[in-house]
PDB file of N, CA and C in Angstrom:
ATOM      1  N   UNK A   1      16.223  -6.612  -0.374  1.00  0.00           N
ATOM      2  CA  UNK A   1      15.370  -5.437  -0.253  1.00  0.00           C
ATOM      3  C   UNK A   1      16.127  -4.220  -0.793  1.00  0.00           C
ATOM      4  N   UNK A   2      15.395  -3.340  -1.414  1.00  0.00           N
ATOM      5  CA  UNK A   2      15.952  -2.138  -2.019  1.00  0.00           C
ATOM      6  C   UNK A   2      16.671  -1.279  -0.984  1.00  0.00           C
ATOM      7  N   UNK A   3      17.776  -0.662  -1.398  1.00  0.00           N
ATOM      8  CA  UNK A   3      18.545   0.206  -0.498  1.00  0.00           C
ATOM      9  C   UNK A   3      17.701   1.360   0.034  1.00  0.00           C
ATOM     10  N   UNK A   4      16.807   1.873  -0.800  1.00  0.00           N
ATOM     11  CA  UNK A   4      15.971   3.003  -0.375  1.00  0.00           C
ATOM     12  C   UNK A   4      15.041   2.581   0.760  1.00  0.00           C
ATOM     13  N   UNK A   5      14.485   1.372   0.688  1.00  0.00           N
ATOM     14  CA  UNK A   5      13.631   0.876   1.767  1.00  0.00           C
ATOM     15  C   UNK A   5      14.451   0.749   3.046  1.00  0.00           C
ATOM     16  N   UNK A   6      15.668   0.226   2.930  1.00  0.00           N
ATOM     17  CA  UNK A   6      16.537   0.108   4.110  1.00  0.00           C
ATOM     18  C   UNK A   6      16.806   1.475   4.738  1.00  0.00           C
ATOM     19  N   UNK A   7      17.027   2.490   3.898  1.00  0.00           N
ATOM     20  CA  UNK A   7      17.275   3.842   4.391  1.00  0.00           C
ATOM     21  C   UNK A   7      16.043   4.391   5.115  1.00  0.00           C
ATOM     22  N   UNK A   8      14.862   4.137   4.577  1.00  0.00           N
ATOM     23  CA  UNK A   8      13.638   4.611   5.225  1.00  0.00           C
ATOM     24  C   UNK A   8      13.420   3.910   6.564  1.00  0.00           C
ATOM     25  N   UNK A   9      13.783   2.638   6.643  1.00  0.00           N
ATOM     26  CA  UNK A   9      13.694   1.913   7.920  1.00  0.00           C
ATOM     27  C   UNK A   9      14.615   2.563   8.950  1.00  0.00           C
ATOM     28  N   UNK A  10      15.838   2.908   8.533  1.00  0.00           N
ATOM     29  CA  UNK A  10      16.773   3.577   9.448  1.00  0.00           C
ATOM     30  C   UNK A  10      16.220   4.915   9.923  1.00  0.00           C
ATOM     31  N   UNK A  11      15.603   5.669   8.995  1.00  0.00           N
ATOM     32  CA  UNK A  11      15.050   6.967   9.363  1.00  0.00           C
ATOM     33  C   UNK A  11      13.895   6.840  10.348  1.00  0.00           C
ATOM     34  N   UNK A  12      13.187   5.717  10.308  1.00  0.00           N
ATOM     35  CA  UNK A  12      12.035   5.514  11.182  1.00  0.00           C
ATOM     36  C   UNK A  12      12.413   4.813  12.487  1.00  0.00           C
ATOM     37  N   UNK A  13      13.703   4.557  12.677  1.00  0.00           N
ATOM     38  CA  UNK A  13      14.167   3.865  13.881  1.00  0.00           C
ATOM     39  C   UNK A  13      14.960   4.837  14.751  1.00  0.00           C
ATOM     40  N   UNK A  14      14.550   4.935  16.007  1.00  0.00           N
ATOM     41  CA  UNK A  14      15.242   5.791  16.964  1.00  0.00           C
ATOM     42  C   UNK A  14      15.977   4.932  17.975  1.00  0.00           C
ATOM     43  N   UNK A  15      17.189   5.349  18.311  1.00  0.00           N
ATOM     44  CA  UNK A  15      17.943   4.671  19.366  1.00  0.00           C
ATOM     45  C   UNK A  15      17.880   5.564  20.603  1.00  0.00           C
ATOM     46  N   UNK A  16      17.375   4.989  21.680  1.00  0.00           N
ATOM     47  CA  UNK A  16      17.143   5.759  22.902  1.00  0.00           C
ATOM     48  C   UNK A  16      17.911   5.105  24.046  1.00  0.00           C
ATOM     49  N   UNK A  17      18.512   5.942  24.885  1.00  0.00           N
ATOM     50  CA  UNK A  17      19.166   5.417  26.084  1.00  0.00           C
ATOM     51  C   UNK A  17      18.136   5.305  27.202  1.00  0.00           C
ATOM     52  N   UNK A  18      18.089   4.131  27.813  1.00  0.00           N
ATOM     53  CA  UNK A  18      17.140   3.867  28.884  1.00  0.00           C
ATOM     54  C   UNK A  18      17.925   3.486  30.132  1.00  0.00           C
ATOM     55  N   UNK A  19      17.574   4.097  31.251  1.00  0.00           N
ATOM     56  CA  UNK A  19      18.239   3.787  32.511  1.00  0.00           C
ATOM     57  C   UNK A  19      17.250   3.084  33.430  1.00  0.00           C
ATOM     58  N   UNK A  20      17.660   1.942  33.937  1.00  0.00           N
ATOM     59  CA  UNK A  20      16.849   1.211  34.895  1.00  0.00           C
ATOM     60  C   UNK A  20      16.994   1.917  36.243  1.00  0.00           C
ATOM     61  N   UNK A  21      15.909   2.430  36.812  1.00  0.00           N
ATOM     62  CA  UNK A  21      16.014   3.173  38.069  1.00  0.00           C
ATOM     63  C   UNK A  21      16.438   2.311  39.254  1.00  0.00           C
ATOM     64  N   UNK A  22      16.167   1.011  39.188  1.00  0.00           N
ATOM     65  CA  UNK A  22      16.547   0.127  40.298  1.00  0.00           C
ATOM     66  C   UNK A  22      18.039  -0.177  40.315  1.00  0.00           C
ATOM     67  N   UNK A  23      18.621  -0.359  39.127  1.00  0.00           N
ATOM     68  CA  UNK A  23      20.042  -0.735  39.051  1.00  0.00           C
ATOM     69  C   UNK A  23      20.936   0.406  38.602  1.00  0.00           C
ATOM     70  N   UNK A  24      20.326   1.459  38.077  1.00  0.00           N
ATOM     71  CA  UNK A  24      21.046   2.605  37.547  1.00  0.00           C
ATOM     72  C   UNK A  24      21.925   2.233  36.341  1.00  0.00           C
ATOM     73  N   UNK A  25      21.576   1.135  35.687  1.00  0.00           N
ATOM     74  CA  UNK A  25      22.300   0.692  34.492  1.00  0.00           C
ATOM     75  C   UNK A  25      21.600   1.294  33.268  1.00  0.00           C
ATOM     76  N   UNK A  26      22.421   1.863  32.380  1.00  0.00           N
ATOM     77  CA  UNK A  26      21.899   2.481  31.163  1.00  0.00           C
ATOM     78  C   UNK A  26      22.245   1.605  29.969  1.00  0.00           C
ATOM     79  N   UNK A  27      21.272   1.423  29.097  1.00  0.00           N
ATOM     80  CA  UNK A  27      21.510   0.684  27.864  1.00  0.00           C
ATOM     81  C   UNK A  27      20.708   1.339  26.744  1.00  0.00           C
ATOM     82  N   UNK A  28      21.050   0.967  25.510  1.00  0.00           N
ATOM     83  CA  UNK A  28      20.368   1.549  24.353  1.00  0.00           C
ATOM     84  C   UNK A  28      19.282   0.606  23.859  1.00  0.00           C
ATOM     85  N   UNK A  29      18.165   1.218  23.450  1.00  0.00           N
ATOM     86  CA  UNK A  29      17.054   0.457  22.887  1.00  0.00           C
ATOM     87  C   UNK A  29      16.700   1.064  21.537  1.00  0.00           C
ATOM     88  N   UNK A  30      16.335   0.212  20.604  1.00  0.00           N
ATOM     89  CA  UNK A  30      15.862   0.681  19.295  1.00  0.00           C
ATOM     90  C   UNK A  30      14.346   0.665  19.286  1.00  0.00           C
ATOM     91  N   UNK A  31      13.771   1.760  18.811  1.00  0.00           N
ATOM     92  CA  UNK A  31      12.322   1.859  18.688  1.00  0.00           C
ATOM     93  C   UNK A  31      11.985   2.161  17.236  1.00  0.00           C
ATOM     94  N   UNK A  32      11.172   1.292  16.639  1.00  0.00           N
ATOM     95  CA  UNK A  32      10.750   1.475  15.257  1.00  0.00           C
ATOM     96  C   UNK A  32       9.410   2.182  15.260  1.00  0.00           C
ATOM     97  N   UNK A  33       9.349   3.334  14.592  1.00  0.00           N
ATOM     98  CA  UNK A  33       8.135   4.146  14.535  1.00  0.00           C
ATOM     99  C   UNK A  33       7.374   3.795  13.251  1.00  0.00           C
ATOM    100  N   UNK A  34       6.327   2.988  13.383  1.00  0.00           N
ATOM    101  CA  UNK A  34       5.547   2.541  12.228  1.00  0.00           C
ATOM    102  C   UNK A  34       4.856   3.701  11.520  1.00  0.00           C
ATOM    103  N   UNK A  35       4.394   4.661  12.286  1.00  0.00           N
ATOM    104  CA  UNK A  35       3.707   5.810  11.688  1.00  0.00           C
ATOM    105  C   UNK A  35       4.695   6.622  10.848  1.00  0.00           C
ATOM    106  N   UNK A  36       5.869   6.877  11.397  1.00  0.00           N
ATOM    107  CA  UNK A  36       6.881   7.637  10.659  1.00  0.00           C
ATOM    108  C   UNK A  36       7.293   6.890   9.391  1.00  0.00           C
ATOM    109  N   UNK A  37       7.454   5.568   9.491  1.00  0.00           N
ATOM    110  CA  UNK A  37       7.825   4.763   8.330  1.00  0.00           C
ATOM    111  C   UNK A  37       6.748   4.844   7.245  1.00  0.00           C
ATOM    112  N   UNK A  38       5.502   4.740   7.651  1.00  0.00           N
ATOM    113  CA  UNK A  38       4.396   4.840   6.699  1.00  0.00           C
ATOM    114  C   UNK A  38       4.400   6.197   6.013  1.00  0.00           C
ATOM    115  N   UNK A  39       4.605   7.256   6.788  1.00  0.00           N
ATOM    116  CA  UNK A  39       4.654   8.602   6.213  1.00  0.00           C
ATOM    117  C   UNK A  39       5.806   8.738   5.215  1.00  0.00           C
ATOM    118  N   UNK A  40       6.954   8.172   5.538  1.00  0.00           N
ATOM    119  CA  UNK A  40       8.111   8.232   4.637  1.00  0.00           C
ATOM    120  C   UNK A  40       7.840   7.480   3.333  1.00  0.00           C
ATOM    121  N   UNK A  41       7.204   6.318   3.429  1.00  0.00           N
ATOM    122  CA  UNK A  41       6.863   5.546   2.232  1.00  0.00           C
ATOM    123  C   UNK A  41       5.888   6.333   1.353  1.00  0.00           C
ATOM    124  N   UNK A  42       4.868   6.929   1.976  1.00  0.00           N
ATOM    125  CA  UNK A  42       3.894   7.704   1.210  1.00  0.00           C
ATOM    126  C   UNK A  42       4.535   8.918   0.550  1.00  0.00           C
ATOM    127  N   UNK A  43       5.445   9.573   1.253  1.00  0.00           N
ATOM    128  CA  UNK A  43       6.150  10.716   0.661  1.00  0.00           C
ATOM    129  C   UNK A  43       6.965  10.271  -0.546  1.00  0.00           C
ATOM    130  N   UNK A  44       7.606   9.136  -0.417  1.00  0.00           N
ATOM    131  CA  UNK A  44       8.436   8.607  -1.505  1.00  0.00           C
ATOM    132  C   UNK A  44       7.570   8.265  -2.726  1.00  0.00           C
ATOM    133  N   UNK A  45       6.436   7.624  -2.491  1.00  0.00           N
ATOM    134  CA  UNK A  45       5.523   7.283  -3.591  1.00  0.00           C
ATOM    135  C   UNK A  45       4.995   8.545  -4.263  1.00  0.00           C
ATOM    136  N   UNK A  46       4.628   9.525  -3.468  1.00  0.00           N
ATOM    137  CA  UNK A  46       4.123  10.785  -4.021  1.00  0.00           C
ATOM    138  C   UNK A  46       5.179  11.454  -4.886  1.00  0.00           C
ATOM    139  N   UNK A  47       6.416  11.419  -4.418  1.00  0.00           N
ATOM    140  CA  UNK A  47       7.523  12.019  -5.174  1.00  0.00           C
ATOM    141  C   UNK A  47       7.673  11.354  -6.540  1.00  0.00           C
ATOM    142  N   UNK A  48       7.586  10.030  -6.576  1.00  0.00           N
ATOM    143  CA  UNK A  48       7.706   9.287  -7.836  1.00  0.00           C
ATOM    144  C   UNK A  48       6.594   9.700  -8.797  1.00  0.00           C
ATOM    145  N   UNK A  49       5.363   9.768  -8.295  1.00  0.00           N
ATOM    146  CA  UNK A  49       4.223  10.116  -9.151  1.00  0.00           C
ATOM    147  C   UNK A  49       4.325  11.559  -9.638  1.00  0.00           C
ATOM    148  N   UNK A  50       4.711  12.473  -8.750  1.00  0.00           N
ATOM    149  CA  UNK A  50       4.820  13.875  -9.161  1.00  0.00           C
ATOM    150  C   UNK A  50       5.916  14.082 -10.205  1.00  0.00           C
ATOM    151  N   UNK A  51       7.000  13.341 -10.101  1.00  0.00           N
ATOM    152  CA  UNK A  51       8.059  13.421 -11.113  1.00  0.00           C
ATOM    153  C   UNK A  51       7.530  12.935 -12.459  1.00  0.00           C
ATOM    154  N   UNK A  52       6.737  11.869 -12.446  1.00  0.00           N
ATOM    155  CA  UNK A  52       6.185  11.322 -13.682  1.00  0.00           C
ATOM    156  C   UNK A  52       5.239  12.308 -14.347  1.00  0.00           C
ATOM    157  N   UNK A  53       4.492  13.076 -13.545  1.00  0.00           N
ATOM    158  CA  UNK A  53       3.542  14.029 -14.108  1.00  0.00           C
ATOM    159  C   UNK A  53       4.223  15.080 -14.988  1.00  0.00           C
ATOM    160  N   UNK A  54       5.505  15.302 -14.781  1.00  0.00           N
ATOM    161  CA  UNK A  54       6.250  16.287 -15.568  1.00  0.00           C
ATOM    162  C   UNK A  54       6.562  15.782 -16.979  1.00  0.00           C
ATOM    163  N   UNK A  55       6.402  14.483 -17.195  1.00  0.00           N
ATOM    164  CA  UNK A  55       6.709  13.899 -18.498  1.00  0.00           C
ATOM    165  C   UNK A  55       5.627  14.278 -19.515  1.00  0.00           C
ATOM    166  N   UNK A  56       6.004  14.395 -20.793  1.00  0.00           N
ATOM    167  CA  UNK A  56       5.049  14.835 -21.811  1.00  0.00           C
ATOM    168  C   UNK A  56       4.086  13.758 -22.313  1.00  0.00           C
ATOM    169  N   UNK A  57       4.198  12.522 -21.813  1.00  0.00           N
ATOM    170  CA  UNK A  57       3.302  11.487 -22.309  1.00  0.00           C
ATOM    171  C   UNK A  57       2.251  11.142 -21.265  1.00  0.00           C
ATOM    172  N   UNK A  58       1.189  10.437 -21.672  1.00  0.00           N
ATOM    173  CA  UNK A  58       0.041  10.174 -20.795  1.00  0.00           C
ATOM    174  C   UNK A  58       0.405   9.432 -19.515  1.00  0.00           C
ATOM    175  N   UNK A  59      -0.374   9.686 -18.489  1.00  0.00           N
ATOM    176  CA  UNK A  59      -0.191   9.071 -17.179  1.00  0.00           C
ATOM    177  C   UNK A  59      -1.424   8.250 -16.855  1.00  0.00           C
ATOM    178  N   UNK A  60      -1.222   7.044 -16.355  1.00  0.00           N
ATOM    179  CA  UNK A  60      -2.365   6.252 -15.909  1.00  0.00           C
ATOM    180  C   UNK A  60      -1.990   5.493 -14.636  1.00  0.00           C
ATOM    181  N   UNK A  61      -2.971   4.893 -14.012  1.00  0.00           N
ATOM    182  CA  UNK A  61      -2.752   4.217 -12.724  1.00  0.00           C
ATOM    183  C   UNK A  61      -1.796   3.038 -12.849  1.00  0.00           C
ATOM    184  N   UNK A  62      -1.894   2.292 -13.943  1.00  0.00           N
ATOM    185  CA  UNK A  62      -1.001   1.146 -14.128  1.00  0.00           C
ATOM    186  C   UNK A  62       0.454   1.595 -14.193  1.00  0.00           C
ATOM    187  N   UNK A  63       0.692   2.708 -14.878  1.00  0.00           N
ATOM    188  CA  UNK A  63       2.051   3.249 -14.954  1.00  0.00           C
ATOM    189  C   UNK A  63       2.527   3.670 -13.572  1.00  0.00           C
ATOM    190  N   UNK A  64       1.660   4.285 -12.783  1.00  0.00           N
ATOM    191  CA  UNK A  64       2.021   4.698 -11.421  1.00  0.00           C
ATOM    192  C   UNK A  64       2.427   3.493 -10.583  1.00  0.00           C
ATOM    193  N   UNK A  65       1.665   2.416 -10.668  1.00  0.00           N
ATOM    194  CA  UNK A  65       1.985   1.189  -9.927  1.00  0.00           C
ATOM    195  C   UNK A  65       3.346   0.659 -10.359  1.00  0.00           C
ATOM    196  N   UNK A  66       3.585   0.617 -11.662  1.00  0.00           N
ATOM    197  CA  UNK A  66       4.863   0.124 -12.178  1.00  0.00           C
ATOM    198  C   UNK A  66       6.028   0.987 -11.696  1.00  0.00           C
ATOM    199  N   UNK A  67       5.862   2.305 -11.745  1.00  0.00           N
ATOM    200  CA  UNK A  67       6.935   3.212 -11.330  1.00  0.00           C
ATOM    201  C   UNK A  67       7.274   3.054  -9.855  1.00  0.00           C
ATOM    202  N   UNK A  68       6.250   2.951  -9.022  1.00  0.00           N
ATOM    203  CA  UNK A  68       6.483   2.821  -7.578  1.00  0.00           C
ATOM    204  C   UNK A  68       7.177   1.492  -7.275  1.00  0.00           C
ATOM    205  N   UNK A  69       6.723   0.420  -7.896  1.00  0.00           N
ATOM    206  CA  UNK A  69       7.372  -0.876  -7.674  1.00  0.00           C
ATOM    207  C   UNK A  69       8.828  -0.846  -8.148  1.00  0.00           C
ATOM    208  N   UNK A  70       9.051  -0.249  -9.304  1.00  0.00           N
ATOM    209  CA  UNK A  70      10.417  -0.141  -9.831  1.00  0.00           C
ATOM    210  C   UNK A  70      11.293   0.693  -8.900  1.00  0.00           C
ATOM    211  N   UNK A  71      10.750   1.796  -8.395  1.00  0.00           N
ATOM    212  CA  UNK A  71      11.496   2.681  -7.509  1.00  0.00           C
ATOM    213  C   UNK A  71      11.998   1.947  -6.265  1.00  0.00           C
ATOM    214  N   UNK A  72      11.149   1.073  -5.710  1.00  0.00           N
ATOM    215  CA  UNK A  72      11.518   0.340  -4.502  1.00  0.00           C
ATOM    216  C   UNK A  72      12.151  -1.012  -4.797  1.00  0.00           C
ATOM    217  N   UNK A  73      12.363  -1.324  -6.079  1.00  0.00           N
ATOM    218  CA  UNK A  73      13.001  -2.585  -6.444  1.00  0.00           C
ATOM    219  C   UNK A  73      12.130  -3.799  -6.167  1.00  0.00           C
ATOM    220  N   UNK A  74      10.820  -3.638  -6.292  1.00  0.00           N
ATOM    221  CA  UNK A  74       9.879  -4.719  -6.012  1.00  0.00           C
ATOM    222  C   UNK A  74       9.357  -5.320  -7.303  1.00  0.00           C
ATOM    223  N   UNK A  75       8.921  -6.565  -7.215  1.00  0.00           N
ATOM    224  CA  UNK A  75       8.259  -7.195  -8.351  1.00  0.00           C
ATOM    225  C   UNK A  75       6.877  -6.579  -8.509  1.00  0.00           C
ATOM    226  N   UNK A  76       6.407  -6.537  -9.740  1.00  0.00           N
ATOM    227  CA  UNK A  76       5.065  -6.025  -9.992  1.00  0.00           C
ATOM    228  C   UNK A  76       4.028  -6.993  -9.428  1.00  0.00           C
ATOM    229  N   UNK A  77       2.879  -6.461  -8.991  1.00  0.00           N
ATOM    230  CA  UNK A  77       1.819  -7.343  -8.486  1.00  0.00           C
ATOM    231  C   UNK A  77       1.248  -8.165  -9.635  1.00  0.00           C
ATOM    232  N   UNK A  78       0.594  -9.268  -9.312  1.00  0.00           N
ATOM    233  CA  UNK A  78      -0.034 -10.070 -10.376  1.00  0.00           C
ATOM    234  C   UNK A  78      -1.020  -9.233 -11.183  1.00  0.00           C
ATOM    235  N   UNK A  79      -1.192  -9.568 -12.440  1.00  0.00           N
ATOM    236  CA  UNK A  79      -2.054  -8.791 -13.342  1.00  0.00           C
ATOM    237  C   UNK A  79      -3.524  -8.822 -12.933  1.00  0.00           C
ATOM    238  N   UNK A  80      -3.942  -9.806 -12.137  1.00  0.00           N
ATOM    239  CA  UNK A  80      -5.346  -9.887 -11.761  1.00  0.00           C
ATOM    240  C   UNK A  80      -5.712  -8.915 -10.627  1.00  0.00           C
ATOM    241  N   UNK A  81      -4.739  -8.157 -10.104  1.00  0.00           N
ATOM    242  CA  UNK A  81      -5.023  -7.153  -9.084  1.00  0.00           C
ATOM    243  C   UNK A  81      -5.339  -5.853  -9.803  1.00  0.00           C
ATOM    244  N   UNK A  82      -6.458  -5.287  -9.494  1.00  0.00           N
ATOM    245  CA  UNK A  82      -6.922  -4.065 -10.144  1.00  0.00           C
ATOM    246  C   UNK A  82      -6.686  -2.859  -9.250  1.00  0.00           C
ATOM    247  N   UNK A  83      -6.356  -1.729  -9.846  1.00  0.00           N
ATOM    248  CA  UNK A  83      -6.235  -0.471  -9.128  1.00  0.00           C
ATOM    249  C   UNK A  83      -7.645   0.080  -8.949  1.00  0.00           C
ATOM    250  N   UNK A  84      -8.003   0.425  -7.733  1.00  0.00           N
ATOM    251  CA  UNK A  84      -9.337   0.942  -7.440  1.00  0.00           C
ATOM    252  C   UNK A  84      -9.260   2.452  -7.339  1.00  0.00           C
ATOM    253  N   UNK A  85     -10.087   3.137  -8.107  1.00  0.00           N
ATOM    254  CA  UNK A  85     -10.141   4.595  -8.041  1.00  0.00           C
ATOM    255  C   UNK A  85     -11.050   4.980  -6.880  1.00  0.00           C
ATOM    256  N   UNK A  86     -10.578   5.908  -6.087  1.00  0.00           N
ATOM    257  CA  UNK A  86     -11.369   6.364  -4.941  1.00  0.00           C
ATOM    258  C   UNK A  86     -11.970   7.720  -5.267  1.00  0.00           C
TER     259      UNK A  86
END
Protein backbone atom coordinates (compact mmCIF):
# COMPACT_ATOMS: atom_id res chain seq x y z
CA UNK A 1 0.00 0.00 0.00
CA UNK A 2 1.17 3.51 -0.82
CA UNK A 3 2.98 5.42 1.94
CA UNK A 4 0.52 8.30 1.59
CA UNK A 5 -2.43 5.98 2.31
CA UNK A 6 -0.60 4.67 5.38
CA UNK A 7 -0.06 8.26 6.56
CA UNK A 8 -3.75 9.08 6.12
CA UNK A 9 -4.68 5.97 8.13
CA UNK A 10 -2.41 7.19 10.95
CA UNK A 11 -4.01 10.64 10.83
CA UNK A 12 -7.47 9.07 11.12
CA UNK A 13 -6.49 6.88 14.08
CA UNK A 14 -6.66 8.21 17.63
CA UNK A 15 -5.04 6.55 20.62
CA UNK A 16 -7.12 7.08 23.75
CA UNK A 17 -6.42 6.11 27.34
CA UNK A 18 -9.33 4.23 28.87
CA UNK A 19 -9.67 3.49 32.58
CA UNK A 20 -11.82 0.63 33.79
CA UNK A 21 -13.80 2.09 36.72
CA UNK A 22 -14.11 -1.31 38.42
CA UNK A 23 -10.39 -2.15 38.42
CA UNK A 24 -8.93 1.33 38.00
CA UNK A 25 -6.61 -0.12 35.34
CA UNK A 26 -5.76 2.22 32.47
CA UNK A 27 -4.87 1.02 29.00
CA UNK A 28 -4.62 2.52 25.53
CA UNK A 29 -7.14 1.87 22.77
CA UNK A 30 -6.91 2.75 19.09
CA UNK A 31 -9.97 4.21 17.44
CA UNK A 32 -10.15 4.49 13.66
CA UNK A 33 -12.33 7.39 12.50
CA UNK A 34 -13.85 6.34 9.16
CA UNK A 35 -15.39 9.75 8.56
CA UNK A 36 -12.08 11.54 9.11
CA UNK A 37 -10.31 9.04 6.83
CA UNK A 38 -12.88 9.58 4.09
CA UNK A 39 -12.50 13.35 4.40
CA UNK A 40 -8.70 13.05 4.17
CA UNK A 41 -8.93 10.88 1.05
CA UNK A 42 -11.32 13.34 -0.61
CA UNK A 43 -9.06 16.27 0.25
CA UNK A 44 -6.10 14.42 -1.25
CA UNK A 45 -8.01 13.63 -4.46
CA UNK A 46 -9.19 17.23 -4.76
CA UNK A 47 -5.62 18.44 -4.34
CA UNK A 48 -4.42 16.18 -7.18
CA UNK A 49 -7.17 17.41 -9.52
CA UNK A 50 -6.65 21.08 -8.65
CA UNK A 51 -2.91 20.78 -9.32
CA UNK A 52 -3.67 19.24 -12.72
CA UNK A 53 -5.99 22.13 -13.61
CA UNK A 54 -2.96 24.44 -13.55
CA UNK A 55 -1.41 22.55 -16.47
CA UNK A 56 -1.73 24.11 -19.94
CA UNK A 57 -3.13 21.00 -21.63
CA UNK A 58 -6.70 19.64 -21.68
CA UNK A 59 -8.26 17.96 -18.66
CA UNK A 60 -10.72 15.10 -18.80
CA UNK A 61 -12.25 12.59 -16.39
CA UNK A 62 -10.07 9.70 -17.56
CA UNK A 63 -6.95 11.74 -16.82
CA UNK A 64 -8.31 12.58 -13.35
CA UNK A 65 -8.87 8.88 -12.61
CA UNK A 66 -5.35 8.04 -13.79
CA UNK A 67 -3.77 10.83 -11.71
CA UNK A 68 -5.59 9.84 -8.52
CA UNK A 69 -4.69 6.17 -8.93
CA UNK A 70 -1.07 7.08 -9.65
CA UNK A 71 -0.96 9.41 -6.63
CA UNK A 72 -2.04 6.61 -4.29
CA UNK A 73 0.09 3.97 -6.03
CA UNK A 74 -2.95 1.97 -7.16
CA UNK A 75 -3.55 0.01 -10.32
CA UNK A 76 -5.92 1.61 -12.80
CA UNK A 77 -9.48 0.25 -12.85
CA UNK A 78 -10.46 -2.02 -15.74
CA UNK A 79 -11.24 -0.15 -18.97
CA UNK A 80 -14.87 -1.31 -18.93
CA UNK A 81 -15.60 0.92 -15.89
CA UNK A 82 -17.00 4.24 -17.02
CA UNK A 83 -16.77 7.57 -15.21
CA UNK A 84 -20.30 8.86 -14.57
CA UNK A 85 -20.86 12.60 -14.78
CA UNK A 86 -23.17 13.90 -12.09
